[in-house]
Full PDB file with SEQRES, HELIX, SHEET, SSBOND, CRYST1, ORIGX, SCALE, CONECT and MASTER records, all heavy atoms in Angstrom:
SEQRES   1 A   39  LEU GLY HIS ARG LEU LEU GLU ILE VAL THR ALA SER ASP          
SEQRES   2 A   39  PRO SER SER THR GLN ILE ASP TYR ARG GLN LEU SER GLN          
SEQRES   3 A   39  ARG SER ASP MET PRO VAL LEU THR PRO GLU GLU VAL GLU          
HELIX    1 AA1 GLY A    2  ALA A   11  1                                  10    
HELIX    2 AA2 PRO A   14  SER A   16  5                                   3    
HELIX    3 AA3 TYR A   21  ARG A   27  1                                   7    
HELIX    4 AA4 PRO A   35  VAL A   38  1                                   4    
CRYST1    1.000    1.000    1.000  90.00  90.00  90.00 P 1           1          
ORIGX1      1.000000  0.000000  0.000000        0.00000                         
ORIGX2      0.000000  1.000000  0.000000        0.00000                         
ORIGX3      0.000000  0.000000  1.000000        0.00000                         
SCALE1      1.000000  0.000000  0.000000        0.00000                         
SCALE2      0.000000  1.000000  0.000000        0.00000                         
SCALE3      0.000000  0.000000  1.000000        0.00000                         
ATOM      1  N   LEU A   1     131.445-187.520-110.097  1.00  0.00           N  
ATOM      2  CA  LEU A   1     130.562-186.937-111.101  1.00  0.00           C  
ATOM      3  C   LEU A   1     131.300-186.743-112.419  1.00  0.00           C  
ATOM      4  O   LEU A   1     130.748-186.976-113.499  1.00  0.00           O  
ATOM      5  CB  LEU A   1     130.023-185.602-110.592  1.00  0.00           C  
ATOM      6  CG  LEU A   1     129.147-184.806-111.580  1.00  0.00           C  
ATOM      7  CD1 LEU A   1     127.911-185.616-111.957  1.00  0.00           C  
ATOM      8  CD2 LEU A   1     128.758-183.470-110.969  1.00  0.00           C  
ATOM      9  N   GLY A   2     132.574-186.302-112.321  1.00  0.00           N  
ATOM     10  CA  GLY A   2     133.362-186.130-113.535  1.00  0.00           C  
ATOM     11  C   GLY A   2     133.532-187.427-114.293  1.00  0.00           C  
ATOM     12  O   GLY A   2     133.460-187.457-115.529  1.00  0.00           O  
ATOM     13  N   HIS A   3     133.743-188.522-113.569  1.00  0.00           N  
ATOM     14  CA  HIS A   3     133.885-189.823-114.224  1.00  0.00           C  
ATOM     15  C   HIS A   3     132.601-190.204-114.960  1.00  0.00           C  
ATOM     16  O   HIS A   3     132.637-190.713-116.079  1.00  0.00           O  
ATOM     17  CB  HIS A   3     134.223-190.881-113.174  1.00  0.00           C  
ATOM     18  CG  HIS A   3     135.652-190.820-112.727  1.00  0.00           C  
ATOM     19  ND1 HIS A   3     136.365-191.937-112.350  1.00  0.00           N  
ATOM     20  CD2 HIS A   3     136.498-189.780-112.585  1.00  0.00           C  
ATOM     21  CE1 HIS A   3     137.587-191.580-111.998  1.00  0.00           C  
ATOM     22  NE2 HIS A   3     137.684-190.273-112.118  1.00  0.00           N  
ATOM     23  N   ARG A   4     131.460-189.966-114.306  1.00  0.00           N  
ATOM     24  CA  ARG A   4     130.192-190.317-114.942  1.00  0.00           C  
ATOM     25  C   ARG A   4     129.935-189.462-116.184  1.00  0.00           C  
ATOM     26  O   ARG A   4     129.441-189.951-117.206  1.00  0.00           O  
ATOM     27  CB  ARG A   4     129.056-190.147-113.946  1.00  0.00           C  
ATOM     28  CG  ARG A   4     129.115-191.150-112.796  1.00  0.00           C  
ATOM     29  CD  ARG A   4     127.980-190.937-111.808  1.00  0.00           C  
ATOM     30  NE  ARG A   4     128.041-191.888-110.716  1.00  0.00           N  
ATOM     31  CZ  ARG A   4     127.200-191.892-109.679  1.00  0.00           C  
ATOM     32  NH1 ARG A   4     126.233-190.977-109.627  1.00  0.00           N  
ATOM     33  NH2 ARG A   4     127.330-192.791-108.726  1.00  0.00           N  
ATOM     34  N   LEU A   5     130.266-188.166-116.090  1.00  0.00           N  
ATOM     35  CA  LEU A   5     130.091-187.285-117.244  1.00  0.00           C  
ATOM     36  C   LEU A   5     130.965-187.738-118.409  1.00  0.00           C  
ATOM     37  O   LEU A   5     130.546-187.703-119.575  1.00  0.00           O  
ATOM     38  CB  LEU A   5     130.415-185.841-116.866  1.00  0.00           C  
ATOM     39  CG  LEU A   5     129.371-185.118-116.004  1.00  0.00           C  
ATOM     40  CD1 LEU A   5     129.888-183.740-115.600  1.00  0.00           C  
ATOM     41  CD2 LEU A   5     128.051-184.989-116.748  1.00  0.00           C  
ATOM     42  N   LEU A   6     132.177-188.156-118.083  1.00  0.00           N  
ATOM     43  CA  LEU A   6     133.067-188.602-119.148  1.00  0.00           C  
ATOM     44  C   LEU A   6     132.536-189.852-119.828  1.00  0.00           C  
ATOM     45  O   LEU A   6     132.670-190.025-121.040  1.00  0.00           O  
ATOM     46  CB  LEU A   6     134.468-188.868-118.567  1.00  0.00           C  
ATOM     47  CG  LEU A   6     135.311-187.616-118.311  1.00  0.00           C  
ATOM     48  CD1 LEU A   6     136.607-187.994-117.614  1.00  0.00           C  
ATOM     49  CD2 LEU A   6     135.620-186.906-119.601  1.00  0.00           C  
ATOM     50  N   GLU A   7     131.935-190.740-119.053  1.00  0.00           N  
ATOM     51  CA  GLU A   7     131.366-191.940-119.654  1.00  0.00           C  
ATOM     52  C   GLU A   7     130.258-191.575-120.651  1.00  0.00           C  
ATOM     53  O   GLU A   7     130.136-192.166-121.720  1.00  0.00           O  
ATOM     54  CB  GLU A   7     130.813-192.848-118.555  1.00  0.00           C  
ATOM     55  CG  GLU A   7     131.892-193.455-117.664  1.00  0.00           C  
ATOM     56  CD  GLU A   7     131.291-194.261-116.529  1.00  0.00           C  
ATOM     57  OE1 GLU A   7     130.044-194.278-116.416  1.00  0.00           O  
ATOM     58  OE2 GLU A   7     132.055-194.856-115.754  1.00  0.00           O  
ATOM     59  N   ILE A   8     129.458-190.568-120.248  1.00  0.00           N  
ATOM     60  CA  ILE A   8     128.370-190.135-121.135  1.00  0.00           C  
ATOM     61  C   ILE A   8     128.925-189.436-122.370  1.00  0.00           C  
ATOM     62  O   ILE A   8     128.490-189.673-123.497  1.00  0.00           O  
ATOM     63  CB  ILE A   8     127.412-189.204-120.368  1.00  0.00           C  
ATOM     64  CG1 ILE A   8     126.759-189.972-119.209  1.00  0.00           C  
ATOM     65  CG2 ILE A   8     126.340-188.657-121.298  1.00  0.00           C  
ATOM     66  CD1 ILE A   8     125.930-189.088-118.307  1.00  0.00           C  
ATOM     67  N   VAL A   9     129.908-188.569-122.146  1.00  0.00           N  
ATOM     68  CA  VAL A   9     130.459-187.786-123.256  1.00  0.00           C  
ATOM     69  C   VAL A   9     131.138-188.681-124.277  1.00  0.00           C  
ATOM     70  O   VAL A   9     130.955-188.541-125.487  1.00  0.00           O  
ATOM     71  CB  VAL A   9     131.434-186.723-122.713  1.00  0.00           C  
ATOM     72  CG1 VAL A   9     132.208-186.079-123.853  1.00  0.00           C  
ATOM     73  CG2 VAL A   9     130.678-185.665-121.931  1.00  0.00           C  
ATOM     74  N   THR A  10     131.938-189.612-123.788  1.00  0.00           N  
ATOM     75  CA  THR A  10     132.694-190.468-124.713  1.00  0.00           C  
ATOM     76  C   THR A  10     131.789-191.456-125.433  1.00  0.00           C  
ATOM     77  O   THR A  10     132.195-192.049-126.435  1.00  0.00           O  
ATOM     78  CB  THR A  10     133.782-191.234-123.956  1.00  0.00           C  
ATOM     79  OG1 THR A  10     133.187-191.919-122.836  1.00  0.00           O  
ATOM     80  CG2 THR A  10     134.850-190.282-123.449  1.00  0.00           C  
ATOM     81  N   ALA A  11     130.566-191.648-124.922  1.00  0.00           N  
ATOM     82  CA  ALA A  11     129.636-192.544-125.602  1.00  0.00           C  
ATOM     83  C   ALA A  11     128.938-191.850-126.765  1.00  0.00           C  
ATOM     84  O   ALA A  11     128.295-192.502-127.582  1.00  0.00           O  
ATOM     85  CB  ALA A  11     128.592-193.075-124.618  1.00  0.00           C  
ATOM     86  N   SER A  12     129.050-190.533-126.814  1.00  0.00           N  
ATOM     87  CA  SER A  12     128.436-189.776-127.913  1.00  0.00           C  
ATOM     88  C   SER A  12     129.514-188.965-128.616  1.00  0.00           C  
ATOM     89  O   SER A  12     130.704-189.284-128.527  1.00  0.00           O  
ATOM     90  CB  SER A  12     127.328-188.868-127.360  1.00  0.00           C  
ATOM     91  OG  SER A  12     127.868-187.967-126.412  1.00  0.00           O  
ATOM     92  N   ASP A  13     129.114-187.918-129.274  1.00  0.00           N  
ATOM     93  CA  ASP A  13     130.059-187.054-129.980  1.00  0.00           C  
ATOM     94  C   ASP A  13     130.530-185.950-129.027  1.00  0.00           C  
ATOM     95  O   ASP A  13     129.736-185.086-128.652  1.00  0.00           O  
ATOM     96  CB  ASP A  13     129.393-186.432-131.196  1.00  0.00           C  
ATOM     97  CG  ASP A  13     130.363-185.546-131.989  1.00  0.00           C  
ATOM     98  OD1 ASP A  13     131.581-185.598-131.687  1.00  0.00           O  
ATOM     99  OD2 ASP A  13     129.895-184.825-132.879  1.00  0.00           O  
ATOM    100  N   PRO A  14     131.812-185.945-128.603  1.00  0.00           N  
ATOM    101  CA  PRO A  14     132.274-184.926-127.662  1.00  0.00           C  
ATOM    102  C   PRO A  14     132.109-183.507-128.188  1.00  0.00           C  
ATOM    103  O   PRO A  14     131.883-182.580-127.426  1.00  0.00           O  
ATOM    104  CB  PRO A  14     133.758-185.277-127.477  1.00  0.00           C  
ATOM    105  CG  PRO A  14     133.858-186.723-127.848  1.00  0.00           C  
ATOM    106  CD  PRO A  14     132.853-186.912-128.944  1.00  0.00           C  
ATOM    107  N   SER A  15     132.170-183.313-129.517  1.00  0.00           N  
ATOM    108  CA  SER A  15     132.084-181.966-130.080  1.00  0.00           C  
ATOM    109  C   SER A  15     130.669-181.388-129.985  1.00  0.00           C  
ATOM    110  O   SER A  15     130.478-180.192-130.178  1.00  0.00           O  
ATOM    111  CB  SER A  15     132.529-181.983-131.548  1.00  0.00           C  
ATOM    112  OG  SER A  15     131.677-182.838-132.299  1.00  0.00           O  
ATOM    113  N   SER A  16     129.672-182.248-129.685  1.00  0.00           N  
ATOM    114  CA  SER A  16     128.299-181.754-129.605  1.00  0.00           C  
ATOM    115  C   SER A  16     127.965-181.189-128.234  1.00  0.00           C  
ATOM    116  O   SER A  16     126.856-180.716-128.023  1.00  0.00           O  
ATOM    117  CB  SER A  16     127.320-182.887-129.917  1.00  0.00           C  
ATOM    118  OG  SER A  16     127.427-183.914-128.940  1.00  0.00           O  
ATOM    119  N   THR A  17     128.886-181.244-127.283  1.00  0.00           N  
ATOM    120  CA  THR A  17     128.643-180.735-125.934  1.00  0.00           C  
ATOM    121  C   THR A  17     129.490-179.490-125.703  1.00  0.00           C  
ATOM    122  O   THR A  17     130.386-179.164-126.476  1.00  0.00           O  
ATOM    123  CB  THR A  17     129.006-181.786-124.871  1.00  0.00           C  
ATOM    124  OG1 THR A  17     130.418-181.971-124.877  1.00  0.00           O  
ATOM    125  CG2 THR A  17     128.318-183.101-125.151  1.00  0.00           C  
ATOM    126  N   GLN A  18     129.197-178.791-124.608  1.00  0.00           N  
ATOM    127  CA  GLN A  18     129.966-177.608-124.227  1.00  0.00           C  
ATOM    128  C   GLN A  18     130.953-177.936-123.100  1.00  0.00           C  
ATOM    129  O   GLN A  18     131.469-177.036-122.450  1.00  0.00           O  
ATOM    130  CB  GLN A  18     129.013-176.496-123.773  1.00  0.00           C  
ATOM    131  CG  GLN A  18     128.104-176.004-124.884  1.00  0.00           C  
ATOM    132  CD  GLN A  18     127.205-174.878-124.418  1.00  0.00           C  
ATOM    133  OE1 GLN A  18     127.206-174.524-123.248  1.00  0.00           O  
ATOM    134  NE2 GLN A  18     126.452-174.305-125.335  1.00  0.00           N  
ATOM    135  N   ILE A  19     131.188-179.207-122.860  1.00  0.00           N  
ATOM    136  CA  ILE A  19     132.099-179.635-121.799  1.00  0.00           C  
ATOM    137  C   ILE A  19     133.500-179.803-122.376  1.00  0.00           C  
ATOM    138  O   ILE A  19     133.689-180.467-123.403  1.00  0.00           O  
ATOM    139  CB  ILE A  19     131.630-180.961-121.170  1.00  0.00           C  
ATOM    140  CG1 ILE A  19     130.254-180.767-120.519  1.00  0.00           C  
ATOM    141  CG2 ILE A  19     132.626-181.444-120.131  1.00  0.00           C  
ATOM    142  CD1 ILE A  19     129.668-182.051-119.962  1.00  0.00           C  
ATOM    143  N   ASP A  20     134.476-179.196-121.734  1.00  0.00           N  
ATOM    144  CA  ASP A  20     135.876-179.403-122.115  1.00  0.00           C  
ATOM    145  C   ASP A  20     136.303-180.747-121.521  1.00  0.00           C  
ATOM    146  O   ASP A  20     136.836-180.829-120.425  1.00  0.00           O  
ATOM    147  CB  ASP A  20     136.752-178.266-121.581  1.00  0.00           C  
ATOM    148  CG  ASP A  20     138.176-178.339-122.109  1.00  0.00           C  
ATOM    149  OD1 ASP A  20     138.552-179.415-122.627  1.00  0.00           O  
ATOM    150  OD2 ASP A  20     138.912-177.343-121.988  1.00  0.00           O  
ATOM    151  N   TYR A  21     136.006-181.824-122.257  1.00  0.00           N  
ATOM    152  CA  TYR A  21     136.205-183.157-121.701  1.00  0.00           C  
ATOM    153  C   TYR A  21     137.677-183.474-121.471  1.00  0.00           C  
ATOM    154  O   TYR A  21     138.033-184.250-120.604  1.00  0.00           O  
ATOM    155  CB  TYR A  21     135.546-184.205-122.597  1.00  0.00           C  
ATOM    156  CG  TYR A  21     136.282-184.470-123.893  1.00  0.00           C  
ATOM    157  CD1 TYR A  21     137.171-185.530-124.000  1.00  0.00           C  
ATOM    158  CD2 TYR A  21     136.094-183.650-125.002  1.00  0.00           C  
ATOM    159  CE1 TYR A  21     137.833-185.774-125.187  1.00  0.00           C  
ATOM    160  CE2 TYR A  21     136.749-183.889-126.185  1.00  0.00           C  
ATOM    161  CZ  TYR A  21     137.628-184.952-126.269  1.00  0.00           C  
ATOM    162  OH  TYR A  21     138.293-185.188-127.433  1.00  0.00           O  
ATOM    163  N   ARG A  22     138.563-182.842-122.243  1.00  0.00           N  
ATOM    164  CA  ARG A  22     139.981-183.105-122.039  1.00  0.00           C  
ATOM    165  C   ARG A  22     140.467-182.515-120.708  1.00  0.00           C  
ATOM    166  O   ARG A  22     141.194-183.158-119.945  1.00  0.00           O  
ATOM    167  CB  ARG A  22     140.807-182.538-123.201  1.00  0.00           C  
ATOM    168  CG  ARG A  22     140.644-183.323-124.483  1.00  0.00           C  
ATOM    169  CD  ARG A  22     141.572-182.816-125.567  1.00  0.00           C  
ATOM    170  NE  ARG A  22     141.462-183.650-126.749  1.00  0.00           N  
ATOM    171  CZ  ARG A  22     142.152-184.766-126.932  1.00  0.00           C  
ATOM    172  NH1 ARG A  22     142.991-185.176-126.018  1.00  0.00           N  
ATOM    173  NH2 ARG A  22     141.994-185.478-128.038  1.00  0.00           N  
ATOM    174  N   GLN A  23     140.060-181.287-120.442  1.00  0.00           N  
ATOM    175  CA  GLN A  23     140.457-180.675-119.173  1.00  0.00           C  
ATOM    176  C   GLN A  23     139.792-181.388-117.999  1.00  0.00           C  
ATOM    177  O   GLN A  23     140.404-181.599-116.953  1.00  0.00           O  
ATOM    178  CB  GLN A  23     140.081-179.195-119.159  1.00  0.00           C  
ATOM    179  CG  GLN A  23     140.630-178.450-117.938  1.00  0.00           C  
ATOM    180  CD  GLN A  23     140.303-176.973-117.989  1.00  0.00           C  
ATOM    181  OE1 GLN A  23     139.287-176.576-118.503  1.00  0.00           O  
ATOM    182  NE2 GLN A  23     141.170-176.161-117.421  1.00  0.00           N  
ATOM    183  N   LEU A  24     138.533-181.799-118.174  1.00  0.00           N  
ATOM    184  CA  LEU A  24     137.832-182.511-117.110  1.00  0.00           C  
ATOM    185  C   LEU A  24     138.510-183.836-116.805  1.00  0.00           C  
ATOM    186  O   LEU A  24     138.678-184.222-115.648  1.00  0.00           O  
ATOM    187  CB  LEU A  24     136.377-182.739-117.525  1.00  0.00           C  
ATOM    188  CG  LEU A  24     135.479-183.454-116.505  1.00  0.00           C  
ATOM    189  CD1 LEU A  24     135.406-182.651-115.213  1.00  0.00           C  
ATOM    190  CD2 LEU A  24     134.092-183.671-117.090  1.00  0.00           C  
ATOM    191  N   SER A  25     138.915-184.545-117.835  1.00  0.00           N  
ATOM    192  CA  SER A  25     139.596-185.823-117.621  1.00  0.00           C  
ATOM    193  C   SER A  25     140.952-185.617-116.981  1.00  0.00           C  
ATOM    194  O   SER A  25     141.398-186.420-116.162  1.00  0.00           O  
ATOM    195  CB  SER A  25     139.747-186.557-118.959  1.00  0.00           C  
ATOM    196  OG  SER A  25     140.590-185.816-119.829  1.00  0.00           O  
ATOM    197  N   GLN A  26     141.611-184.519-117.318  1.00  0.00           N  
ATOM    198  CA  GLN A  26     142.917-184.231-116.742  1.00  0.00           C  
ATOM    199  C   GLN A  26     142.798-183.973-115.244  1.00  0.00           C  
ATOM    200  O   GLN A  26     143.585-184.469-114.451  1.00  0.00           O  
ATOM    201  CB  GLN A  26     143.525-183.021-117.449  1.00  0.00           C  
ATOM    202  CG  GLN A  26     145.027-182.897-117.264  1.00  0.00           C  
ATOM    203  CD  GLN A  26     145.575-181.776-118.124  1.00  0.00           C  
ATOM    204  OE1 GLN A  26     145.000-180.694-118.219  1.00  0.00           O  
ATOM    205  NE2 GLN A  26     146.700-182.012-118.772  1.00  0.00           N  
ATOM    206  N   ARG A  27     141.779-183.200-114.843  1.00  0.00           N  
ATOM    207  CA  ARG A  27     141.595-182.902-113.430  1.00  0.00           C  
ATOM    208  C   ARG A  27     141.110-184.120-112.661  1.00  0.00           C  
ATOM    209  O   ARG A  27     141.286-184.216-111.453  1.00  0.00           O  
ATOM    210  CB  ARG A  27     140.598-181.759-113.263  1.00  0.00           C  
ATOM    211  CG  ARG A  27     141.051-180.455-113.885  1.00  0.00           C  
ATOM    212  CD  ARG A  27     140.118-179.318-113.504  1.00  0.00           C  
ATOM    213  NE  ARG A  27     140.396-178.122-114.276  1.00  0.00           N  
ATOM    214  CZ  ARG A  27     139.761-176.976-114.117  1.00  0.00           C  
ATOM    215  NH1 ARG A  27     138.816-176.876-113.207  1.00  0.00           N  
ATOM    216  NH2 ARG A  27     140.060-175.923-114.847  1.00  0.00           N  
ATOM    217  N   SER A  28     140.443-185.062-113.358  1.00  0.00           N  
ATOM    218  CA  SER A  28     139.926-186.258-112.706  1.00  0.00           C  
ATOM    219  C   SER A  28     140.898-187.422-112.775  1.00  0.00           C  
ATOM    220  O   SER A  28     140.554-188.536-112.407  1.00  0.00           O  
ATOM    221  CB  SER A  28     138.600-186.669-113.362  1.00  0.00           C  
ATOM    222  OG  SER A  28     137.673-185.613-113.300  1.00  0.00           O  
ATOM    223  N   ASP A  29     142.114-187.155-113.271  1.00  0.00           N  
ATOM    224  CA  ASP A  29     143.149-188.186-113.346  1.00  0.00           C  
ATOM    225  C   ASP A  29     142.710-189.367-114.215  1.00  0.00           C  
ATOM    226  O   ASP A  29     142.954-190.530-113.896  1.00  0.00           O  
ATOM    227  CB  ASP A  29     143.535-188.685-111.952  1.00  0.00           C  
ATOM    228  CG  ASP A  29     144.184-187.602-111.126  1.00  0.00           C  
ATOM    229  OD1 ASP A  29     144.860-186.753-111.732  1.00  0.00           O  
ATOM    230  OD2 ASP A  29     144.035-187.612-109.901  1.00  0.00           O  
ATOM    231  N   MET A  30     142.039-189.076-115.335  1.00  0.00           N  
ATOM    232  CA  MET A  30     141.654-190.128-116.264  1.00  0.00           C  
ATOM    233  C   MET A  30     142.414-189.937-117.566  1.00  0.00           C  
ATOM    234  O   MET A  30     142.598-188.812-118.032  1.00  0.00           O  
ATOM    235  CB  MET A  30     140.137-190.084-116.532  1.00  0.00           C  
ATOM    236  CG  MET A  30     139.284-190.471-115.334  1.00  0.00           C  
ATOM    237  SD  MET A  30     137.541-190.647-115.778  1.00  0.00           S  
ATOM    238  CE  MET A  30     137.611-192.057-116.869  1.00  0.00           C  
ATOM    239  N   PRO A  31     142.865-191.027-118.175  1.00  0.00           N  
ATOM    240  CA  PRO A  31     143.633-190.903-119.425  1.00  0.00           C  
ATOM    241  C   PRO A  31     142.750-190.449-120.578  1.00  0.00           C  
ATOM    242  O   PRO A  31     141.540-190.687-120.597  1.00  0.00           O  
ATOM    243  CB  PRO A  31     144.156-192.329-119.642  1.00  0.00           C  
ATOM    244  CG  PRO A  31     143.165-193.201-118.932  1.00  0.00           C  
ATOM    245  CD  PRO A  31     142.708-192.416-117.735  1.00  0.00           C  
ATOM    246  N   VAL A  32     143.374-189.790-121.554  1.00  0.00           N  
ATOM    247  CA  VAL A  32     142.667-189.283-122.734  1.00  0.00           C  
ATOM    248  C   VAL A  32     143.283-189.910-123.976  1.00  0.00           C  
ATOM    249  O   VAL A  32     144.508-189.952-124.128  1.00  0.00           O  
ATOM    250  CB  VAL A  32     142.764-187.740-122.805  1.00  0.00           C  
ATOM    251  CG1 VAL A  32     142.044-187.236-124.047  1.00  0.00           C  
ATOM    252  CG2 VAL A  32     142.158-187.118-121.560  1.00  0.00           C  
ATOM    253  N   LEU A  33     142.434-190.389-124.864  1.00  0.00           N  
ATOM    254  CA  LEU A  33     142.911-190.966-126.109  1.00  0.00           C  
ATOM    255  C   LEU A  33     143.318-189.873-127.084  1.00  0.00           C  
ATOM    256  O   LEU A  33     142.706-188.801-127.131  1.00  0.00           O  
ATOM    257  CB  LEU A  33     141.814-191.832-126.735  1.00  0.00           C  
ATOM    258  CG  LEU A  33     141.371-193.084-125.942  1.00  0.00           C  
ATOM    259  CD1 LEU A  33     140.215-193.753-126.664  1.00  0.00           C  
ATOM    260  CD2 LEU A  33     142.525-194.046-125.760  1.00  0.00           C  
ATOM    261  N   THR A  34     144.340-190.174-127.866  1.00  0.00           N  
ATOM    262  CA  THR A  34     144.730-189.271-128.938  1.00  0.00           C  
ATOM    263  C   THR A  34     143.743-189.418-130.097  1.00  0.00           C  
ATOM    264  O   THR A  34     142.996-190.413-130.180  1.00  0.00           O  
ATOM    265  CB  THR A  34     146.145-189.585-129.425  1.00  0.00           C  
ATOM    266  OG1 THR A  34     146.152-190.913-129.986  1.00  0.00           O  
ATOM    267  CG2 THR A  34     147.134-189.518-128.265  1.00  0.00           C  
ATOM    268  N   PRO A  35     143.693-188.453-131.036  1.00  0.00           N  
ATOM    269  CA  PRO A  35     142.789-188.588-132.190  1.00  0.00           C  
ATOM    270  C   PRO A  35     143.028-189.883-132.965  1.00  0.00           C  
ATOM    271  O   PRO A  35     142.072-190.497-133.468  1.00  0.00           O  
ATOM    272  CB  PRO A  35     143.111-187.343-133.028  1.00  0.00           C  
ATOM    273  CG  PRO A  35     143.587-186.330-132.016  1.00  0.00           C  
ATOM    274  CD  PRO A  35     144.337-187.126-130.997  1.00  0.00           C  
ATOM    275  N   GLU A  36     144.286-190.310-133.084  1.00  0.00           N  
ATOM    276  CA  GLU A  36     144.586-191.550-133.793  1.00  0.00           C  
ATOM    277  C   GLU A  36     143.994-192.756-133.067  1.00  0.00           C  
ATOM    278  O   GLU A  36     143.441-193.683-133.685  1.00  0.00           O  
ATOM    279  CB  GLU A  36     146.096-191.720-133.956  1.00  0.00           C  
ATOM    280  CG  GLU A  36     146.766-190.702-134.863  1.00  0.00           C  
ATOM    281  CD  GLU A  36     146.964-189.353-134.179  1.00  0.00           C  
ATOM    282  OE1 GLU A  36     146.747-189.294-132.948  1.00  0.00           O  
ATOM    283  OE2 GLU A  36     147.310-188.367-134.867  1.00  0.00           O  
ATOM    284  N   GLU A  37     144.114-192.758-131.705  1.00  0.00           N  
ATOM    285  CA  GLU A  37     143.565-193.873-130.938  1.00  0.00           C  
ATOM    286  C   GLU A  37     142.038-193.891-131.004  1.00  0.00           C  
ATOM    287  O   GLU A  37     141.415-194.956-131.023  1.00  0.00           O  
ATOM    288  CB  GLU A  37     144.025-193.784-129.482  1.00  0.00           C  
ATOM    289  CG  GLU A  37     145.523-194.028-129.317  1.00  0.00           C  
ATOM    290  CD  GLU A  37     146.003-193.724-127.907  1.00  0.00           C  
ATOM    291  OE1 GLU A  37     145.353-192.885-127.232  1.00  0.00           O  
ATOM    292  OE2 GLU A  37     147.007-194.319-127.476  1.00  0.00           O  
ATOM    293  N   VAL A  38     141.420-192.703-131.035  1.00  0.00           N  
ATOM    294  CA  VAL A  38     139.968-192.638-131.165  1.00  0.00           C  
ATOM    295  C   VAL A  38     139.523-193.217-132.498  1.00  0.00           C  
ATOM    296  O   VAL A  38     138.546-193.989-132.588  1.00  0.00           O  
ATOM    297  CB  VAL A  38     139.486-191.177-131.022  1.00  0.00           C  
ATOM    298  CG1 VAL A  38     138.002-191.070-131.359  1.00  0.00           C  
ATOM    299  CG2 VAL A  38     139.745-190.669-129.612  1.00  0.00           C  
ATOM    300  N   GLU A  39     140.230-192.867-133.575  1.00  0.00           N  
ATOM    301  CA  GLU A  39     139.897-193.378-134.904  1.00  0.00           C  
ATOM    302  C   GLU A  39     140.079-194.888-134.966  1.00  0.00           C  
ATOM    303  O   GLU A  39     139.248-195.609-135.554  1.00  0.00           O  
ATOM    304  CB  GLU A  39     140.774-192.691-135.952  1.00  0.00           C  
ATOM    305  CG  GLU A  39     140.519-193.143-137.382  1.00  0.00           C  
ATOM    306  CD  GLU A  39     139.100-192.827-137.840  1.00  0.00           C  
ATOM    307  OE1 GLU A  39     138.491-191.896-137.285  1.00  0.00           O  
ATOM    308  OE2 GLU A  39     138.613-193.517-138.763  1.00  0.00           O  
TER     309      GLU A  39                                                      
MASTER        0    0    0    4    0    0    0    6  308    1    0    3          
END                                                                             
C-alpha cells in the first residue's frame, strides 16, 4: 500500500497532501530523490 501511495503522491504535488512521503518511503525501503534531482 505504501508503494502505491508513493506512486500517487510523486505523480502530483507532495506538498498538497498530509502524508510524510519521505518517512513513508524510508519505512518502505524506497529511495527518495533530493530536491536537486527532483528539479
